[in-house]
């Protein structure tokens, strides 16, 4: 089996690449190495290869059309294209919207066109986002002591939810999302779109603006190791809710898409841990305090709510269960144990 993984040195991409490398597949990676931890993940992946030619890694931005086409011309045809590369931080999209657009929109267009020319029989799975639905302020909320809820959506939000691109990040990911879907409808390519909620797990080098589970696990570790560690900050009330998905379940999802590629082609799926794996910030902090045995509550300060943030997003994952025979297998409690172990091993 031969795969192309864009963003293959990032959190999602490195987990996917490792899974396939370990079973002997040939993996080609494109990654600009702009995010924290990219070089560490690249070096780690090299240790998993069984032969010199099993792994090829190219360093450039997907917006570079000629470079994308050269990789395809050199290595295609591929069996599976995991397009998980891109600009992933909302804060960066607000500070540099042109770079966000070029990488996410033009980059995705370049991958689709190269696929159409050199690898038309592959399956392409695209990592989209729940941000394509906007800030969701149009929905009816209920505020409880530790979280917001959506009483009209007890099982989460499904794919019929109206698109409402908000923030440059939502616009760029949403536009790419629709290109991916449309290249199936107009050109017959096998493409599938996953609108992800929050993902966490090993190989995630979280930062303040991306990877909130890993980031707050790291902040909790700091306060466990040093009771005088400074307070960290959160945006908003702390009652914002996401359904969290462990990286192991993400890998099984992409594998399920390939195994059921005829059923997945042309489809869009809302993907997360589902209602049973939903957490607010306040609830996460309570769990971390218990798991780390902290004697005092975590010390944090509140900032104003982030622009275009969602107070609640939980995916209704019933469509993925029906068509892909997939559902999460890692509970939030087990996943957080693994995340804390990863953070602990990598704490300075």
C-alpha atoms as a PDB file:
ATOM      1  CA  UNK A   1       0.000   0.000   0.000  1.00  0.00           C
ATOM      2  CA  UNK A   2       1.226   3.504  -0.845  1.00  0.00           C
ATOM      3  CA  UNK A   3       0.015   6.613   0.959  1.00  0.00           C
ATOM      4  CA  UNK A   4       0.484  10.349   0.671  1.00  0.00           C
ATOM      5  CA  UNK A   5       0.020  12.173   3.969  1.00  0.00           C
ATOM      6  CA  UNK A   6       0.014  15.952   3.864  1.00  0.00           C
ATOM      7  CA  UNK A   7       0.989  17.388   7.229  1.00  0.00           C
ATOM      8  CA  UNK A   8       2.518  14.007   7.981  1.00  0.00           C
ATOM      9  CA  UNK A   9       4.912  15.389  10.613  1.00  0.00           C
ATOM     10  CA  UNK A  10       2.117  17.052  12.549  1.00  0.00           C
ATOM     11  CA  UNK A  11       0.011  15.550  15.295  1.00  0.00           C
ATOM     12  CA  UNK A  12      -2.666  13.883  13.161  1.00  0.00           C
ATOM     13  CA  UNK A  13      -0.363  13.068  10.277  1.00  0.00           C
ATOM     14  CA  UNK A  14       2.388  11.474  12.351  1.00  0.00           C
ATOM     15  CA  UNK A  15      -0.081   9.174  14.096  1.00  0.00           C
ATOM     16  CA  UNK A  16      -1.488   8.094  10.731  1.00  0.00           C
ATOM     17  CA  UNK A  17       1.969   7.679   9.222  1.00  0.00           C
ATOM     18  CA  UNK A  18       3.204   5.589  12.160  1.00  0.00           C
ATOM     19  CA  UNK A  19       0.226   3.273  11.927  1.00  0.00           C
ATOM     20  CA  UNK A  20       0.899   2.476   8.280  1.00  0.00           C
ATOM     21  CA  UNK A  21       4.698   2.433   8.512  1.00  0.00           C
ATOM     22  CA  UNK A  22       4.543  -0.187  11.233  1.00  0.00           C
ATOM     23  CA  UNK A  23       2.736  -2.568   8.902  1.00  0.00           C
ATOM     24  CA  UNK A  24       5.171  -1.989   6.035  1.00  0.00           C
ATOM     25  CA  UNK A  25       3.274   0.470   3.848  1.00  0.00           C
ATOM     26  CA  UNK A  26       5.117   3.020   1.712  1.00  0.00           C
ATOM     27  CA  UNK A  27       4.490   6.539   2.982  1.00  0.00           C
ATOM     28  CA  UNK A  28       5.181   9.884   1.290  1.00  0.00           C
ATOM     29  CA  UNK A  29       4.868  13.005   3.446  1.00  0.00           C
ATOM     30  CA  UNK A  30       4.541  16.690   2.600  1.00  0.00           C
ATOM     31  CA  UNK A  31       5.018  18.999   5.582  1.00  0.00           C
ATOM     32  CA  UNK A  32       6.214  22.594   5.868  1.00  0.00           C
ATOM     33  CA  UNK A  33       7.424  21.939   9.441  1.00  0.00           C
ATOM     34  CA  UNK A  34       5.995  25.199  10.723  1.00  0.00           C
ATOM     35  CA  UNK A  35       4.286  23.855  13.847  1.00  0.00           C
ATOM     36  CA  UNK A  36       5.861  23.010  17.171  1.00  0.00           C
ATOM     37  CA  UNK A  37       7.040  19.394  17.345  1.00  0.00           C
ATOM     38  CA  UNK A  38       7.212  18.831  13.591  1.00  0.00           C
ATOM     39  CA  UNK A  39      10.918  18.072  13.518  1.00  0.00           C
ATOM     40  CA  UNK A  40      10.639  15.754  16.527  1.00  0.00           C
ATOM     41  CA  UNK A  41       7.825  13.831  14.862  1.00  0.00           C
ATOM     42  CA  UNK A  42       9.788  13.639  11.598  1.00  0.00           C
ATOM     43  CA  UNK A  43      12.788  12.134  13.375  1.00  0.00           C
ATOM     44  CA  UNK A  44      10.554   9.709  15.293  1.00  0.00           C
ATOM     45  CA  UNK A  45       8.888   8.473  12.094  1.00  0.00           C
ATOM     46  CA  UNK A  46      12.280   7.727  10.574  1.00  0.00           C
ATOM     47  CA  UNK A  47      12.941   5.284  13.409  1.00  0.00           C
ATOM     48  CA  UNK A  48       9.855   3.265  12.435  1.00  0.00           C
ATOM     49  CA  UNK A  49      10.865   2.485   8.865  1.00  0.00           C
ATOM     50  CA  UNK A  50      11.802  -1.029   7.837  1.00  0.00           C
ATOM     51  CA  UNK A  51      13.647  -0.064   4.643  1.00  0.00           C
ATOM     52  CA  UNK A  52      15.418   2.964   3.170  1.00  0.00           C
ATOM     53  CA  UNK A  53      12.718   3.689   0.613  1.00  0.00           C
ATOM     54  CA  UNK A  54       9.681   3.165   2.832  1.00  0.00           C
ATOM     55  CA  UNK A  55       9.415   6.819   3.908  1.00  0.00           C
ATOM     56  CA  UNK A  56       9.914   9.959   1.825  1.00  0.00           C
ATOM     57  CA  UNK A  57       9.493  13.405   3.381  1.00  0.00           C
ATOM     58  CA  UNK A  58       9.242  16.699   1.487  1.00  0.00           C
ATOM     59  CA  UNK A  59       9.375  20.097   3.186  1.00  0.00           C
ATOM     60  CA  UNK A  60       7.288  22.807   1.540  1.00  0.00           C
ATOM     61  CA  UNK A  61       3.939  24.568   1.794  1.00  0.00           C
ATOM     62  CA  UNK A  62       1.022  23.034  -0.097  1.00  0.00           C
ATOM     63  CA  UNK A  63       0.393  26.393  -1.767  1.00  0.00           C
ATOM     64  CA  UNK A  64       3.477  25.701  -3.926  1.00  0.00           C
ATOM     65  CA  UNK A  65       1.760  24.171  -6.953  1.00  0.00           C
ATOM     66  CA  UNK A  66       4.842  22.966  -8.820  1.00  0.00           C
ATOM     67  CA  UNK A  67       6.250  21.271  -5.740  1.00  0.00           C
ATOM     68  CA  UNK A  68       2.968  19.432  -5.080  1.00  0.00           C
ATOM     69  CA  UNK A  69       2.797  18.272  -8.680  1.00  0.00           C
ATOM     70  CA  UNK A  70       6.411  17.075  -8.604  1.00  0.00           C
ATOM     71  CA  UNK A  71       5.702  14.831  -5.610  1.00  0.00           C
ATOM     72  CA  UNK A  72       2.724  13.315  -7.396  1.00  0.00           C
ATOM     73  CA  UNK A  73       4.600  12.894 -10.654  1.00  0.00           C
ATOM     74  CA  UNK A  74       7.444  11.165  -8.804  1.00  0.00           C
ATOM     75  CA  UNK A  75       5.488   8.840  -6.516  1.00  0.00           C
ATOM     76  CA  UNK A  76       1.922   8.409  -7.816  1.00  0.00           C
ATOM     77  CA  UNK A  77      -0.288   6.520  -8.081  1.00  0.00           C
ATOM     78  CA  UNK A  78      -1.251   6.437  -4.423  1.00  0.00           C
ATOM     79  CA  UNK A  79      -3.833   4.163  -2.852  1.00  0.00           C
ATOM     80  CA  UNK A  80      -4.785   6.556  -0.063  1.00  0.00           C
ATOM     81  CA  UNK A  81      -4.267  10.316   0.360  1.00  0.00           C
ATOM     82  CA  UNK A  82      -4.702  11.593   3.913  1.00  0.00           C
ATOM     83  CA  UNK A  83      -4.959  15.354   3.512  1.00  0.00           C
ATOM     84  CA  UNK A  84      -4.492  16.462   7.120  1.00  0.00           C
ATOM     85  CA  UNK A  85      -1.973  19.242   6.415  1.00  0.00           C
ATOM     86  CA  UNK A  86      -2.845  22.906   6.653  1.00  0.00           C
ATOM     87  CA  UNK A  87      -2.891  26.027   8.776  1.00  0.00           C
ATOM     88  CA  UNK A  88      -4.710  24.885  11.901  1.00  0.00           C
ATOM     89  CA  UNK A  89      -4.851  27.793  14.380  1.00  0.00           C
ATOM     90  CA  UNK A  90      -7.729  30.259  14.442  1.00  0.00           C
ATOM     91  CA  UNK A  91      -5.477  32.879  16.030  1.00  0.00           C
ATOM     92  CA  UNK A  92      -3.002  32.620  13.155  1.00  0.00           C
ATOM     93  CA  UNK A  93      -5.811  32.940  10.630  1.00  0.00           C
ATOM     94  CA  UNK A  94      -6.831  36.225  12.253  1.00  0.00           C
ATOM     95  CA  UNK A  95      -3.283  37.631  12.319  1.00  0.00           C
ATOM     96  CA  UNK A  96      -2.268  36.371   8.839  1.00  0.00           C
ATOM     97  CA  UNK A  97      -5.420  35.576   6.822  1.00  0.00           C
ATOM     98  CA  UNK A  98      -3.568  35.504   3.489  1.00  0.00           C
ATOM     99  CA  UNK A  99      -1.214  32.739   4.630  1.00  0.00           C
ATOM    100  CA  UNK A 100      -4.201  30.862   6.056  1.00  0.00           C
ATOM    101  CA  UNK A 101      -6.057  31.102   2.737  1.00  0.00           C
ATOM    102  CA  UNK A 102      -3.077  30.112   0.606  1.00  0.00           C
ATOM    103  CA  UNK A 103      -2.226  27.027   2.614  1.00  0.00           C
ATOM    104  CA  UNK A 104      -5.759  25.797   3.227  1.00  0.00           C
ATOM    105  CA  UNK A 105      -7.623  26.767   0.062  1.00  0.00           C
ATOM    106  CA  UNK A 106      -4.951  26.965  -2.644  1.00  0.00           C
ATOM    107  CA  UNK A 107      -3.053  24.089  -1.063  1.00  0.00           C
ATOM    108  CA  UNK A 108      -6.107  21.840  -1.087  1.00  0.00           C
ATOM    109  CA  UNK A 109      -6.891  22.829  -4.678  1.00  0.00           C
ATOM    110  CA  UNK A 110      -3.325  21.907  -5.659  1.00  0.00           C
ATOM    111  CA  UNK A 111      -3.618  18.484  -4.014  1.00  0.00           C
ATOM    112  CA  UNK A 112      -6.975  17.784  -5.679  1.00  0.00           C
ATOM    113  CA  UNK A 113      -5.755  18.754  -9.125  1.00  0.00           C
ATOM    114  CA  UNK A 114      -2.570  16.700  -8.789  1.00  0.00           C
ATOM    115  CA  UNK A 115      -4.665  13.768  -7.608  1.00  0.00           C
ATOM    116  CA  UNK A 116      -6.973  14.166 -10.592  1.00  0.00           C
ATOM    117  CA  UNK A 117      -3.999  14.122 -12.955  1.00  0.00           C
ATOM    118  CA  UNK A 118      -1.723  11.501 -11.390  1.00  0.00           C
ATOM    119  CA  UNK A 119      -3.753   9.420  -8.934  1.00  0.00           C
ATOM    120  CA  UNK A 120      -7.444   9.455  -9.927  1.00  0.00           C
ATOM    121  CA  UNK A 121      -8.249   6.061  -8.393  1.00  0.00           C
ATOM    122  CA  UNK A 122      -7.050   6.913  -4.867  1.00  0.00           C
ATOM    123  CA  UNK A 123      -9.256   7.769  -1.901  1.00  0.00           C
ATOM    124  CA  UNK A 124      -8.648  11.233  -0.443  1.00  0.00           C
ATOM    125  CA  UNK A 125      -9.736  11.871   3.157  1.00  0.00           C
ATOM    126  CA  UNK A 126      -9.767  15.542   4.148  1.00  0.00           C
ATOM    127  CA  UNK A 127      -9.438  16.856   7.696  1.00  0.00           C
ATOM    128  CA  UNK A 128     -11.991  19.666   7.933  1.00  0.00           C
ATOM    129  CA  UNK A 129     -13.330  21.314  11.084  1.00  0.00           C
ATOM    130  CA  UNK A 130     -16.469  22.088  13.057  1.00  0.00           C
ATOM    131  CA  UNK A 131     -15.610  25.773  12.506  1.00  0.00           C
ATOM    132  CA  UNK A 132     -17.359  25.564   9.125  1.00  0.00           C
ATOM    133  CA  UNK A 133     -20.584  25.898  11.148  1.00  0.00           C
ATOM    134  CA  UNK A 134     -19.644  29.304  12.557  1.00  0.00           C
ATOM    135  CA  UNK A 135     -20.043  30.416  16.157  1.00  0.00           C
ATOM    136  CA  UNK A 136     -23.468  28.679  16.488  1.00  0.00           C
ATOM    137  CA  UNK A 137     -24.975  31.635  18.339  1.00  0.00           C
ATOM    138  CA  UNK A 138     -28.227  31.000  16.464  1.00  0.00           C
ATOM    139  CA  UNK A 139     -28.898  27.862  18.557  1.00  0.00           C
ATOM    140  CA  UNK A 140     -30.736  27.690  21.893  1.00  0.00           C
ATOM    141  CA  UNK A 141     -28.387  27.217  24.862  1.00  0.00           C
ATOM    142  CA  UNK A 142     -28.830  26.232  28.461  1.00  0.00           C
ATOM    143  CA  UNK A 143     -26.138  27.234  30.963  1.00  0.00           C
ATOM    144  CA  UNK A 144     -25.458  24.779  33.773  1.00  0.00           C
ATOM    145  CA  UNK A 145     -22.999  25.022  36.661  1.00  0.00           C
ATOM    146  CA  UNK A 146     -20.033  23.603  34.721  1.00  0.00           C
ATOM    147  CA  UNK A 147     -21.083  23.606  31.064  1.00  0.00           C
ATOM    148  CA  UNK A 148     -23.292  24.864  28.305  1.00  0.00           C
ATOM    149  CA  UNK A 149     -25.751  22.455  26.683  1.00  0.00           C
ATOM    150  CA  UNK A 150     -27.935  22.427  23.577  1.00  0.00           C
ATOM    151  CA  UNK A 151     -31.275  21.008  24.766  1.00  0.00           C
ATOM    152  CA  UNK A 152     -32.558  20.713  21.195  1.00  0.00           C
ATOM    153  CA  UNK A 153     -29.630  18.452  20.210  1.00  0.00           C
ATOM    154  CA  UNK A 154     -29.299  15.786  22.925  1.00  0.00           C
ATOM    155  CA  UNK A 155     -27.187  13.523  20.675  1.00  0.00           C
ATOM    156  CA  UNK A 156     -25.013  16.280  19.233  1.00  0.00           C
ATOM    157  CA  UNK A 157     -24.965  18.113  15.911  1.00  0.00           C
ATOM    158  CA  UNK A 158     -25.227  16.220  12.639  1.00  0.00           C
ATOM    159  CA  UNK A 159     -24.194  17.036   9.076  1.00  0.00           C
ATOM    160  CA  UNK A 160     -27.492  18.779   8.221  1.00  0.00           C
ATOM    161  CA  UNK A 161     -26.410  21.803  10.263  1.00  0.00           C
ATOM    162  CA  UNK A 162     -26.274  24.940   8.103  1.00  0.00           C
ATOM    163  CA  UNK A 163     -22.813  26.076   7.020  1.00  0.00           C
ATOM    164  CA  UNK A 164     -21.801  29.499   8.308  1.00  0.00           C
ATOM    165  CA  UNK A 165     -18.096  30.136   7.765  1.00  0.00           C
ATOM    166  CA  UNK A 166     -16.873  32.417  10.555  1.00  0.00           C
ATOM    167  CA  UNK A 167     -13.298  33.615  11.095  1.00  0.00           C
ATOM    168  CA  UNK A 168     -10.685  33.389   8.333  1.00  0.00           C
ATOM    169  CA  UNK A 169      -9.920  29.850   9.528  1.00  0.00           C
ATOM    170  CA  UNK A 170     -13.550  28.801   9.128  1.00  0.00           C
ATOM    171  CA  UNK A 171     -13.630  30.390   5.673  1.00  0.00           C
ATOM    172  CA  UNK A 172     -10.459  28.686   4.447  1.00  0.00           C
ATOM    173  CA  UNK A 173     -11.265  25.252   5.846  1.00  0.00           C
ATOM    174  CA  UNK A 174     -14.873  25.528   4.716  1.00  0.00           C
ATOM    175  CA  UNK A 175     -13.936  26.515   1.172  1.00  0.00           C
ATOM    176  CA  UNK A 176     -11.471  23.620   0.973  1.00  0.00           C
ATOM    177  CA  UNK A 177     -14.102  21.291   2.456  1.00  0.00           C
ATOM    178  CA  UNK A 178     -16.468  22.172  -0.379  1.00  0.00           C
ATOM    179  CA  UNK A 179     -13.780  21.808  -3.054  1.00  0.00           C
ATOM    180  CA  UNK A 180     -13.041  18.307  -1.778  1.00  0.00           C
ATOM    181  CA  UNK A 181     -16.698  17.351  -1.903  1.00  0.00           C
ATOM    182  CA  UNK A 182     -17.237  18.965  -5.302  1.00  0.00           C
ATOM    183  CA  UNK A 183     -14.296  17.183  -6.956  1.00  0.00           C
ATOM    184  CA  UNK A 184     -16.188  13.971  -6.233  1.00  0.00           C
ATOM    185  CA  UNK A 185     -19.424  15.295  -7.746  1.00  0.00           C
ATOM    186  CA  UNK A 186     -17.885  16.870 -10.836  1.00  0.00           C
ATOM    187  CA  UNK A 187     -14.827  14.734 -11.537  1.00  0.00           C
ATOM    188  CA  UNK A 188     -15.722  11.447  -9.898  1.00  0.00           C
ATOM    189  CA  UNK A 189     -12.777  11.408  -7.475  1.00  0.00           C
ATOM    190  CA  UNK A 190     -13.211   9.334  -4.337  1.00  0.00           C
ATOM    191  CA  UNK A 191     -13.098  11.966  -1.603  1.00  0.00           C
ATOM    192  CA  UNK A 192     -14.442  12.103   1.934  1.00  0.00           C
ATOM    193  CA  UNK A 193     -14.651  15.052   4.339  1.00  0.00           C
ATOM    194  CA  UNK A 194     -14.268  14.713   8.100  1.00  0.00           C
ATOM    195  CA  UNK A 195     -15.421  17.754  10.089  1.00  0.00           C
ATOM    196  CA  UNK A 196     -13.424  17.195  13.251  1.00  0.00           C
ATOM    197  CA  UNK A 197     -14.096  18.444  16.737  1.00  0.00           C
ATOM    198  CA  UNK A 198     -11.202  18.259  19.256  1.00  0.00           C
ATOM    199  CA  UNK A 199      -8.486  15.609  18.910  1.00  0.00           C
ATOM    200  CA  UNK A 200      -5.759  14.816  21.423  1.00  0.00           C
ATOM    201  CA  UNK A 201      -3.136  12.185  22.194  1.00  0.00           C
ATOM    202  CA  UNK A 202       0.506  11.245  21.771  1.00  0.00           C
ATOM    203  CA  UNK A 203       2.788  13.184  19.389  1.00  0.00           C
ATOM    204  CA  UNK A 204       0.758  16.344  20.072  1.00  0.00           C
ATOM    205  CA  UNK A 205       3.105  19.205  20.892  1.00  0.00           C
ATOM    206  CA  UNK A 206       0.344  21.564  21.950  1.00  0.00           C
ATOM    207  CA  UNK A 207       0.595  25.339  22.036  1.00  0.00           C
ATOM    208  CA  UNK A 208      -1.594  28.040  23.561  1.00  0.00           C
ATOM    209  CA  UNK A 209      -3.550  28.387  20.305  1.00  0.00           C
ATOM    210  CA  UNK A 210      -3.840  24.785  19.144  1.00  0.00           C
ATOM    211  CA  UNK A 211      -4.470  21.484  20.919  1.00  0.00           C
ATOM    212  CA  UNK A 212      -6.312  22.595  24.050  1.00  0.00           C
ATOM    213  CA  UNK A 213      -6.441  19.212  25.797  1.00  0.00           C
ATOM    214  CA  UNK A 214      -2.674  18.766  25.539  1.00  0.00           C
ATOM    215  CA  UNK A 215      -2.019  22.389  26.460  1.00  0.00           C
ATOM    216  CA  UNK A 216      -4.057  22.296  29.660  1.00  0.00           C
ATOM    217  CA  UNK A 217      -2.654  18.886  30.578  1.00  0.00           C
ATOM    218  CA  UNK A 218       0.803  20.484  30.328  1.00  0.00           C
ATOM    219  CA  UNK A 219      -0.285  23.456  32.464  1.00  0.00           C
ATOM    220  CA  UNK A 220      -1.657  21.051  35.085  1.00  0.00           C
ATOM    221  CA  UNK A 221       1.640  19.144  35.105  1.00  0.00           C
ATOM    222  CA  UNK A 222       3.513  22.396  35.658  1.00  0.00           C
ATOM    223  CA  UNK A 223       1.409  23.183  38.708  1.00  0.00           C
ATOM    224  CA  UNK A 224       1.838  19.641  40.047  1.00  0.00           C
ATOM    225  CA  UNK A 225       5.622  19.907  39.765  1.00  0.00           C
ATOM    226  CA  UNK A 226       5.771  23.451  41.080  1.00  0.00           C
ATOM    227  CA  UNK A 227       3.105  24.819  43.390  1.00  0.00           C
ATOM    228  CA  UNK A 228       4.454  28.308  42.649  1.00  0.00           C
ATOM    229  CA  UNK A 229       3.926  27.952  38.893  1.00  0.00           C
ATOM    230  CA  UNK A 230       2.153  30.995  37.465  1.00  0.00           C
ATOM    231  CA  UNK A 231      -1.545  30.891  36.690  1.00  0.00           C
ATOM    232  CA  UNK A 232      -2.452  30.039  33.110  1.00  0.00           C
ATOM    233  CA  UNK A 233      -5.233  31.725  31.171  1.00  0.00           C
ATOM    234  CA  UNK A 234      -8.457  30.578  29.565  1.00  0.00           C
ATOM    235  CA  UNK A 235     -10.804  32.478  27.270  1.00  0.00           C
ATOM    236  CA  UNK A 236     -14.443  32.798  28.239  1.00  0.00           C
ATOM    237  CA  UNK A 237     -16.315  31.244  31.137  1.00  0.00           C
ATOM    238  CA  UNK A 238     -14.714  27.800  30.965  1.00  0.00           C
ATOM    239  CA  UNK A 239     -18.119  26.256  30.294  1.00  0.00           C
ATOM    240  CA  UNK A 240     -17.408  25.797  26.578  1.00  0.00           C
ATOM    241  CA  UNK A 241     -17.942  22.156  25.556  1.00  0.00           C
ATOM    242  CA  UNK A 242     -16.279  19.932  22.953  1.00  0.00           C
ATOM    243  CA  UNK A 243     -16.430  16.209  22.347  1.00  0.00           C
ATOM    244  CA  UNK A 244     -12.872  14.942  22.455  1.00  0.00           C
ATOM    245  CA  UNK A 245     -11.422  12.176  20.290  1.00  0.00           C
ATOM    246  CA  UNK A 246      -8.225  10.298  21.040  1.00  0.00           C
ATOM    247  CA  UNK A 247      -5.628   9.951  18.271  1.00  0.00           C
ATOM    248  CA  UNK A 248      -5.982   6.148  18.288  1.00  0.00           C
ATOM    249  CA  UNK A 249      -9.640   6.567  17.346  1.00  0.00           C
ATOM    250  CA  UNK A 250      -8.704   9.052  14.637  1.00  0.00           C
ATOM    251  CA  UNK A 251      -6.407   6.452  13.059  1.00  0.00           C
ATOM    252  CA  UNK A 252      -9.156   3.835  13.190  1.00  0.00           C
ATOM    253  CA  UNK A 253     -11.543   6.339  11.541  1.00  0.00           C
ATOM    254  CA  UNK A 254      -9.281   6.973   8.554  1.00  0.00           C
ATOM    255  CA  UNK A 255      -8.663   3.245   8.209  1.00  0.00           C
ATOM    256  CA  UNK A 256     -12.410   2.644   8.279  1.00  0.00           C
ATOM    257  CA  UNK A 257     -12.890   5.227   5.520  1.00  0.00           C
ATOM    258  CA  UNK A 258     -10.428   3.363   3.320  1.00  0.00           C
ATOM    259  CA  UNK A 259     -11.933  -0.018   4.116  1.00  0.00           C
ATOM    260  CA  UNK A 260     -15.370   1.365   3.188  1.00  0.00           C
ATOM    261  CA  UNK A 261     -14.194   3.705   0.436  1.00  0.00           C
ATOM    262  CA  UNK A 262     -17.152   3.069  -1.823  1.00  0.00           C
ATOM    263  CA  UNK A 263     -19.532   3.998   0.983  1.00  0.00           C
ATOM    264  CA  UNK A 264     -17.471   6.974   2.153  1.00  0.00           C
ATOM    265  CA  UNK A 265     -16.777   8.527  -1.268  1.00  0.00           C
ATOM    266  CA  UNK A 266     -18.549  11.852  -1.652  1.00  0.00           C
ATOM    267  CA  UNK A 267     -19.709  11.907   1.975  1.00  0.00           C
ATOM    268  CA  UNK A 268     -19.243  14.396   4.795  1.00  0.00           C
ATOM    269  CA  UNK A 269     -19.069  13.305   8.431  1.00  0.00           C
ATOM    270  CA  UNK A 270     -19.159  15.221  11.698  1.00  0.00           C
ATOM    271  CA  UNK A 271     -16.496  13.541  13.801  1.00  0.00           C
ATOM    272  CA  UNK A 272     -15.636  13.725  17.480  1.00  0.00           C
ATOM    273  CA  UNK A 273     -15.803  11.610  20.570  1.00  0.00           C
ATOM    274  CA  UNK A 274     -19.581  11.923  20.683  1.00  0.00           C
ATOM    275  CA  UNK A 275     -21.842  12.928  23.533  1.00  0.00           C
ATOM    276  CA  UNK A 276     -20.297  10.374  25.926  1.00  0.00           C
ATOM    277  CA  UNK A 277     -16.848  11.944  25.513  1.00  0.00           C
ATOM    278  CA  UNK A 278     -17.791  15.601  25.889  1.00  0.00           C
ATOM    279  CA  UNK A 279     -15.981  17.957  28.254  1.00  0.00           C
ATOM    280  CA  UNK A 280     -16.065  21.589  29.235  1.00  0.00           C
ATOM    281  CA  UNK A 281     -12.893  23.358  30.311  1.00  0.00           C
ATOM    282  CA  UNK A 282     -14.083  23.421  33.920  1.00  0.00           C
ATOM    283  CA  UNK A 283     -14.876  19.716  33.802  1.00  0.00           C
ATOM    284  CA  UNK A 284     -11.461  18.963  32.302  1.00  0.00           C
ATOM    285  CA  UNK A 285      -9.755  20.891  35.095  1.00  0.00           C
ATOM    286  CA  UNK A 286     -11.690  18.938  37.721  1.00  0.00           C
ATOM    287  CA  UNK A 287     -10.636  15.628  36.141  1.00  0.00           C
ATOM    288  CA  UNK A 288      -6.999  16.737  35.907  1.00  0.00           C
ATOM    289  CA  UNK A 289      -6.968  17.774  39.552  1.00  0.00           C
ATOM    290  CA  UNK A 290      -8.187  14.305  40.520  1.00  0.00           C
ATOM    291  CA  UNK A 291      -5.873  12.363  38.208  1.00  0.00           C
ATOM    292  CA  UNK A 292      -2.787  14.323  39.237  1.00  0.00           C
ATOM    293  CA  UNK A 293      -3.700  14.340  42.913  1.00  0.00           C
ATOM    294  CA  UNK A 294      -3.525  18.117  43.165  1.00  0.00           C
ATOM    295  CA  UNK A 295      -4.217  19.368  46.678  1.00  0.00           C
ATOM    296  CA  UNK A 296      -5.499  22.762  45.493  1.00  0.00           C
ATOM    297  CA  UNK A 297      -7.569  23.652  42.433  1.00  0.00           C
ATOM    298  CA  UNK A 298      -5.739  24.579  39.247  1.00  0.00           C
ATOM    299  CA  UNK A 299      -4.791  28.247  39.208  1.00  0.00           C
ATOM    300  CA  UNK A 300      -6.064  30.084  36.135  1.00  0.00           C
ATOM    301  CA  UNK A 301      -7.278  33.502  35.018  1.00  0.00           C
ATOM    302  CA  UNK A 302     -10.101  34.278  32.626  1.00  0.00           C
ATOM    303  CA  UNK A 303      -9.804  36.392  29.499  1.00  0.00           C
ATOM    304  CA  UNK A 304     -12.684  37.545  27.316  1.00  0.00           C
ATOM    305  CA  UNK A 305     -14.331  35.033  24.998  1.00  0.00           C
ATOM    306  CA  UNK A 306     -12.324  34.356  21.833  1.00  0.00           C
ATOM    307  CA  UNK A 307     -13.636  35.855  18.613  1.00  0.00           C
ATOM    308  CA  UNK A 308     -15.843  33.400  16.659  1.00  0.00           C
ATOM    309  CA  UNK A 309     -15.519  30.721  19.329  1.00  0.00           C
ATOM    310  CA  UNK A 310     -18.261  28.138  19.814  1.00  0.00           C
ATOM    311  CA  UNK A 311     -19.753  27.710  23.279  1.00  0.00           C
ATOM    312  CA  UNK A 312     -20.736  24.157  22.419  1.00  0.00           C
ATOM    313  CA  UNK A 313     -19.903  21.628  19.761  1.00  0.00           C
ATOM    314  CA  UNK A 314     -20.557  17.922  20.123  1.00  0.00           C
ATOM    315  CA  UNK A 315     -20.731  15.828  16.967  1.00  0.00           C
ATOM    316  CA  UNK A 316     -23.549  13.420  16.293  1.00  0.00           C
ATOM    317  CA  UNK A 317     -21.419  10.529  15.007  1.00  0.00           C
ATOM    318  CA  UNK A 318     -24.258   8.194  14.040  1.00  0.00           C
ATOM    319  CA  UNK A 319     -23.610   8.598  10.299  1.00  0.00           C
ATOM    320  CA  UNK A 320     -20.023   7.389  10.691  1.00  0.00           C
ATOM    321  CA  UNK A 321     -21.260   4.451  12.749  1.00  0.00           C
ATOM    322  CA  UNK A 322     -23.789   3.575  10.060  1.00  0.00           C
ATOM    323  CA  UNK A 323     -21.686   3.948   6.907  1.00  0.00           C
ATOM    324  CA  UNK A 324     -18.150   3.318   8.170  1.00  0.00           C
ATOM    325  CA  UNK A 325     -18.923   0.900  11.031  1.00  0.00           C
ATOM    326  CA  UNK A 326     -16.813   3.174  13.232  1.00  0.00           C
ATOM    327  CA  UNK A 327     -17.168   4.517  16.732  1.00  0.00           C
ATOM    328  CA  UNK A 328     -14.688   5.736  19.356  1.00  0.00           C
ATOM    329  CA  UNK A 329     -13.103   3.071  21.510  1.00  0.00           C
ATOM    330  CA  UNK A 330     -11.002   5.183  23.889  1.00  0.00           C
ATOM    331  CA  UNK A 331     -12.973   6.714  26.766  1.00  0.00           C
ATOM    332  CA  UNK A 332     -12.169  10.217  27.939  1.00  0.00           C
ATOM    333  CA  UNK A 333     -10.781   8.897  31.230  1.00  0.00           C
ATOM    334  CA  UNK A 334      -8.433   6.432  29.535  1.00  0.00           C
ATOM    335  CA  UNK A 335      -7.481   8.980  26.882  1.00  0.00           C
ATOM    336  CA  UNK A 336      -6.577  11.601  29.485  1.00  0.00           C
ATOM    337  CA  UNK A 337      -4.440   9.044  31.333  1.00  0.00           C
ATOM    338  CA  UNK A 338      -2.528   8.480  28.084  1.00  0.00           C
ATOM    339  CA  UNK A 339      -2.297  12.203  27.388  1.00  0.00           C
ATOM    340  CA  UNK A 340      -0.944  12.911  30.863  1.00  0.00           C
ATOM    341  CA  UNK A 341       1.599  10.118  30.480  1.00  0.00           C
ATOM    342  CA  UNK A 342       2.757  11.633  27.176  1.00  0.00           C
ATOM    343  CA  UNK A 343       2.972  15.127  28.643  1.00  0.00           C
ATOM    344  CA  UNK A 344       4.790  13.827  31.700  1.00  0.00           C
ATOM    345  CA  UNK A 345       7.422  12.081  29.589  1.00  0.00           C
ATOM    346  CA  UNK A 346       7.994  15.254  27.593  1.00  0.00           C
ATOM    347  CA  UNK A 347       7.882  17.792  30.438  1.00  0.00           C
ATOM    348  CA  UNK A 348      11.016  19.842  30.940  1.00  0.00           C
END
